[in-house]
């Protein structure tokens, strides 16, 4: 699967977002280590702390399928010219499973940049802290 294929899956997922408050409905497409692609979208809530980010939705869907290792994650919002990077909470959720996952952060015009999660979150808190 190419970067563009994964991005297109995130774009499609964003169409299902429920974002009446922020208006930044986002979509995510998560490529698992076995090549399976799982998508997620933003689901906002009036109690903003109950909002589920697209990245978290994709991770939870993957885990529900028994997937625990991830290669790449594409994140897209059709309402922003900024590159859509995962929030801090999403970065932490991703680090639990794949600290070296590649992030494809996509603008509304389709341009994107690529980061490794470790580059955006150095010295991350991880399960190793419990060993």
C-alpha atoms as a PDB file:
ATOM      1  CA  UNK A   1       0.000   0.000   0.000  1.00  0.00           C
ATOM      2  CA  UNK A   2       1.379   3.384  -0.964  1.00  0.00           C
ATOM      3  CA  UNK A   3       1.312   6.478   1.241  1.00  0.00           C
ATOM      4  CA  UNK A   4      -1.366   7.925  -1.031  1.00  0.00           C
ATOM      5  CA  UNK A   5      -3.525   4.787  -0.707  1.00  0.00           C
ATOM      6  CA  UNK A   6      -3.374   5.038   3.078  1.00  0.00           C
ATOM      7  CA  UNK A   7      -4.110   8.765   2.953  1.00  0.00           C
ATOM      8  CA  UNK A   8      -7.130   8.118   0.740  1.00  0.00           C
ATOM      9  CA  UNK A   9      -8.475   5.714   3.370  1.00  0.00           C
ATOM     10  CA  UNK A  10      -8.088   8.445   6.014  1.00  0.00           C
ATOM     11  CA  UNK A  11      -9.884  10.938   3.749  1.00  0.00           C
ATOM     12  CA  UNK A  12     -12.791   8.508   3.375  1.00  0.00           C
ATOM     13  CA  UNK A  13     -12.932   7.919   7.139  1.00  0.00           C
ATOM     14  CA  UNK A  14     -13.086  11.670   7.779  1.00  0.00           C
ATOM     15  CA  UNK A  15     -16.380  11.796   5.876  1.00  0.00           C
ATOM     16  CA  UNK A  16     -17.976   9.850   8.751  1.00  0.00           C
ATOM     17  CA  UNK A  17     -16.653  12.114  11.510  1.00  0.00           C
ATOM     18  CA  UNK A  18     -19.062  13.600  14.007  1.00  0.00           C
ATOM     19  CA  UNK A  19     -17.579  17.010  14.836  1.00  0.00           C
ATOM     20  CA  UNK A  20     -20.364  19.548  15.505  1.00  0.00           C
ATOM     21  CA  UNK A  21     -18.244  21.513  18.002  1.00  0.00           C
ATOM     22  CA  UNK A  22     -14.759  21.837  16.529  1.00  0.00           C
ATOM     23  CA  UNK A  23     -15.832  21.439  12.885  1.00  0.00           C
ATOM     24  CA  UNK A  24     -12.502  19.598  12.435  1.00  0.00           C
ATOM     25  CA  UNK A  25     -13.805  16.168  11.568  1.00  0.00           C
ATOM     26  CA  UNK A  26     -10.734  14.014  11.204  1.00  0.00           C
ATOM     27  CA  UNK A  27     -10.087  10.614   9.710  1.00  0.00           C
ATOM     28  CA  UNK A  28      -7.302   8.169  10.397  1.00  0.00           C
ATOM     29  CA  UNK A  29      -6.104   5.077   8.580  1.00  0.00           C
ATOM     30  CA  UNK A  30      -3.856   2.726  10.528  1.00  0.00           C
ATOM     31  CA  UNK A  31      -1.732   0.158   8.729  1.00  0.00           C
ATOM     32  CA  UNK A  32      -1.024  -2.821  10.961  1.00  0.00           C
ATOM     33  CA  UNK A  33       2.188  -4.832  10.770  1.00  0.00           C
ATOM     34  CA  UNK A  34       0.402  -7.576   8.769  1.00  0.00           C
ATOM     35  CA  UNK A  35      -0.857  -5.070   6.169  1.00  0.00           C
ATOM     36  CA  UNK A  36      -4.407  -4.830   7.515  1.00  0.00           C
ATOM     37  CA  UNK A  37      -5.749  -1.261   7.375  1.00  0.00           C
ATOM     38  CA  UNK A  38      -8.193  -0.082  10.024  1.00  0.00           C
ATOM     39  CA  UNK A  39      -9.852   3.330   9.963  1.00  0.00           C
ATOM     40  CA  UNK A  40     -11.325   5.642  12.554  1.00  0.00           C
ATOM     41  CA  UNK A  41     -12.930   9.062  12.714  1.00  0.00           C
ATOM     42  CA  UNK A  42     -13.498  11.768  15.278  1.00  0.00           C
ATOM     43  CA  UNK A  43     -16.563  11.350  17.478  1.00  0.00           C
ATOM     44  CA  UNK A  44     -17.092  14.525  19.485  1.00  0.00           C
ATOM     45  CA  UNK A  45     -19.248  14.908  22.570  1.00  0.00           C
ATOM     46  CA  UNK A  46     -20.730  17.945  24.346  1.00  0.00           C
ATOM     47  CA  UNK A  47     -18.669  16.830  27.345  1.00  0.00           C
ATOM     48  CA  UNK A  48     -15.460  17.503  25.412  1.00  0.00           C
ATOM     49  CA  UNK A  49     -13.356  15.139  27.527  1.00  0.00           C
ATOM     50  CA  UNK A  50     -15.495  12.308  26.178  1.00  0.00           C
ATOM     51  CA  UNK A  51     -14.507  13.064  22.594  1.00  0.00           C
ATOM     52  CA  UNK A  52     -12.761  10.226  20.774  1.00  0.00           C
ATOM     53  CA  UNK A  53     -10.047  11.229  18.326  1.00  0.00           C
ATOM     54  CA  UNK A  54      -9.815   9.533  14.937  1.00  0.00           C
ATOM     55  CA  UNK A  55      -6.429   8.055  15.843  1.00  0.00           C
ATOM     56  CA  UNK A  56      -7.748   6.530  19.061  1.00  0.00           C
ATOM     57  CA  UNK A  57     -10.780   5.137  17.241  1.00  0.00           C
ATOM     58  CA  UNK A  58      -8.493   3.436  14.703  1.00  0.00           C
ATOM     59  CA  UNK A  59      -6.214   2.004  17.396  1.00  0.00           C
ATOM     60  CA  UNK A  60      -9.186   0.653  19.360  1.00  0.00           C
ATOM     61  CA  UNK A  61     -10.665  -0.913  16.225  1.00  0.00           C
ATOM     62  CA  UNK A  62      -7.314  -2.549  15.447  1.00  0.00           C
ATOM     63  CA  UNK A  63      -6.920  -3.890  18.978  1.00  0.00           C
ATOM     64  CA  UNK A  64     -10.469  -5.279  18.804  1.00  0.00           C
ATOM     65  CA  UNK A  65      -9.278  -7.252  15.754  1.00  0.00           C
ATOM     66  CA  UNK A  66      -6.292  -8.589  17.706  1.00  0.00           C
ATOM     67  CA  UNK A  67      -3.759  -6.255  16.087  1.00  0.00           C
ATOM     68  CA  UNK A  68      -1.032  -4.874  18.345  1.00  0.00           C
ATOM     69  CA  UNK A  69       1.762  -3.655  16.031  1.00  0.00           C
ATOM     70  CA  UNK A  70       1.445  -0.799  13.571  1.00  0.00           C
ATOM     71  CA  UNK A  71       3.530   0.443  10.636  1.00  0.00           C
ATOM     72  CA  UNK A  72       1.919   3.725   9.560  1.00  0.00           C
ATOM     73  CA  UNK A  73      -0.904   6.033  10.469  1.00  0.00           C
ATOM     74  CA  UNK A  74      -2.374   8.635   8.114  1.00  0.00           C
ATOM     75  CA  UNK A  75      -4.276  11.504   9.767  1.00  0.00           C
ATOM     76  CA  UNK A  76      -6.432  13.921   7.745  1.00  0.00           C
ATOM     77  CA  UNK A  77      -8.872  16.773   8.263  1.00  0.00           C
ATOM     78  CA  UNK A  78     -10.604  18.396   5.322  1.00  0.00           C
ATOM     79  CA  UNK A  79     -11.049  21.582   7.319  1.00  0.00           C
ATOM     80  CA  UNK A  80      -7.457  22.583   8.038  1.00  0.00           C
ATOM     81  CA  UNK A  81      -4.502  23.782   6.020  1.00  0.00           C
ATOM     82  CA  UNK A  82      -2.263  22.774   8.928  1.00  0.00           C
ATOM     83  CA  UNK A  83      -0.594  19.376   8.874  1.00  0.00           C
ATOM     84  CA  UNK A  84      -2.740  17.181  11.133  1.00  0.00           C
ATOM     85  CA  UNK A  85      -0.446  15.791  13.787  1.00  0.00           C
ATOM     86  CA  UNK A  86      -1.846  13.558  16.531  1.00  0.00           C
ATOM     87  CA  UNK A  87      -2.582  15.242  19.860  1.00  0.00           C
ATOM     88  CA  UNK A  88      -0.577  14.314  22.944  1.00  0.00           C
ATOM     89  CA  UNK A  89      -3.097  11.749  24.120  1.00  0.00           C
ATOM     90  CA  UNK A  90      -3.128  10.035  20.721  1.00  0.00           C
ATOM     91  CA  UNK A  91       0.655   9.994  20.663  1.00  0.00           C
ATOM     92  CA  UNK A  92       0.637   8.271  24.039  1.00  0.00           C
ATOM     93  CA  UNK A  93      -1.957   5.728  22.880  1.00  0.00           C
ATOM     94  CA  UNK A  94       0.112   4.938  19.767  1.00  0.00           C
ATOM     95  CA  UNK A  95       3.327   4.635  21.799  1.00  0.00           C
ATOM     96  CA  UNK A  96       1.753   1.865  23.862  1.00  0.00           C
ATOM     97  CA  UNK A  97       1.814  -0.391  20.818  1.00  0.00           C
ATOM     98  CA  UNK A  98       4.285   0.977  18.266  1.00  0.00           C
ATOM     99  CA  UNK A  99       6.746   3.660  19.380  1.00  0.00           C
ATOM    100  CA  UNK A 100       8.320   3.665  15.916  1.00  0.00           C
ATOM    101  CA  UNK A 101       5.116   4.032  13.905  1.00  0.00           C
ATOM    102  CA  UNK A 102       5.352   6.389  10.928  1.00  0.00           C
ATOM    103  CA  UNK A 103       2.855   9.252  10.945  1.00  0.00           C
ATOM    104  CA  UNK A 104       1.572  10.711   7.680  1.00  0.00           C
ATOM    105  CA  UNK A 105       0.164  14.107   8.644  1.00  0.00           C
ATOM    106  CA  UNK A 106      -2.078  15.412   5.874  1.00  0.00           C
ATOM    107  CA  UNK A 107      -3.370  18.908   5.086  1.00  0.00           C
ATOM    108  CA  UNK A 108      -6.773  19.524   3.527  1.00  0.00           C
ATOM    109  CA  UNK A 109      -5.124  20.039   0.125  1.00  0.00           C
ATOM    110  CA  UNK A 110      -3.625  16.526   0.264  1.00  0.00           C
ATOM    111  CA  UNK A 111      -0.030  17.548   0.917  1.00  0.00           C
ATOM    112  CA  UNK A 112       1.574  15.653   3.761  1.00  0.00           C
ATOM    113  CA  UNK A 113       4.651  15.308   5.899  1.00  0.00           C
ATOM    114  CA  UNK A 114       6.012  12.172   7.513  1.00  0.00           C
ATOM    115  CA  UNK A 115       7.336  11.782  11.049  1.00  0.00           C
ATOM    116  CA  UNK A 116       8.328   8.921  13.283  1.00  0.00           C
ATOM    117  CA  UNK A 117       6.380   8.958  16.527  1.00  0.00           C
ATOM    118  CA  UNK A 118       9.668   8.935  18.475  1.00  0.00           C
ATOM    119  CA  UNK A 119      10.629  12.230  16.802  1.00  0.00           C
ATOM    120  CA  UNK A 120       7.410  13.914  17.931  1.00  0.00           C
ATOM    121  CA  UNK A 121       7.507  12.347  21.375  1.00  0.00           C
ATOM    122  CA  UNK A 122      11.073  11.913  22.647  1.00  0.00           C
ATOM    123  CA  UNK A 123      11.586  10.197  26.009  1.00  0.00           C
ATOM    124  CA  UNK A 124       8.061   8.822  25.863  1.00  0.00           C
ATOM    125  CA  UNK A 125       6.430   7.247  28.878  1.00  0.00           C
ATOM    126  CA  UNK A 126       6.113   3.524  28.194  1.00  0.00           C
ATOM    127  CA  UNK A 127       5.489   0.103  29.667  1.00  0.00           C
ATOM    128  CA  UNK A 128       9.220  -0.160  30.315  1.00  0.00           C
ATOM    129  CA  UNK A 129       8.655   2.274  33.191  1.00  0.00           C
ATOM    130  CA  UNK A 130       6.765  -0.523  34.960  1.00  0.00           C
ATOM    131  CA  UNK A 131       9.497  -3.161  34.598  1.00  0.00           C
END
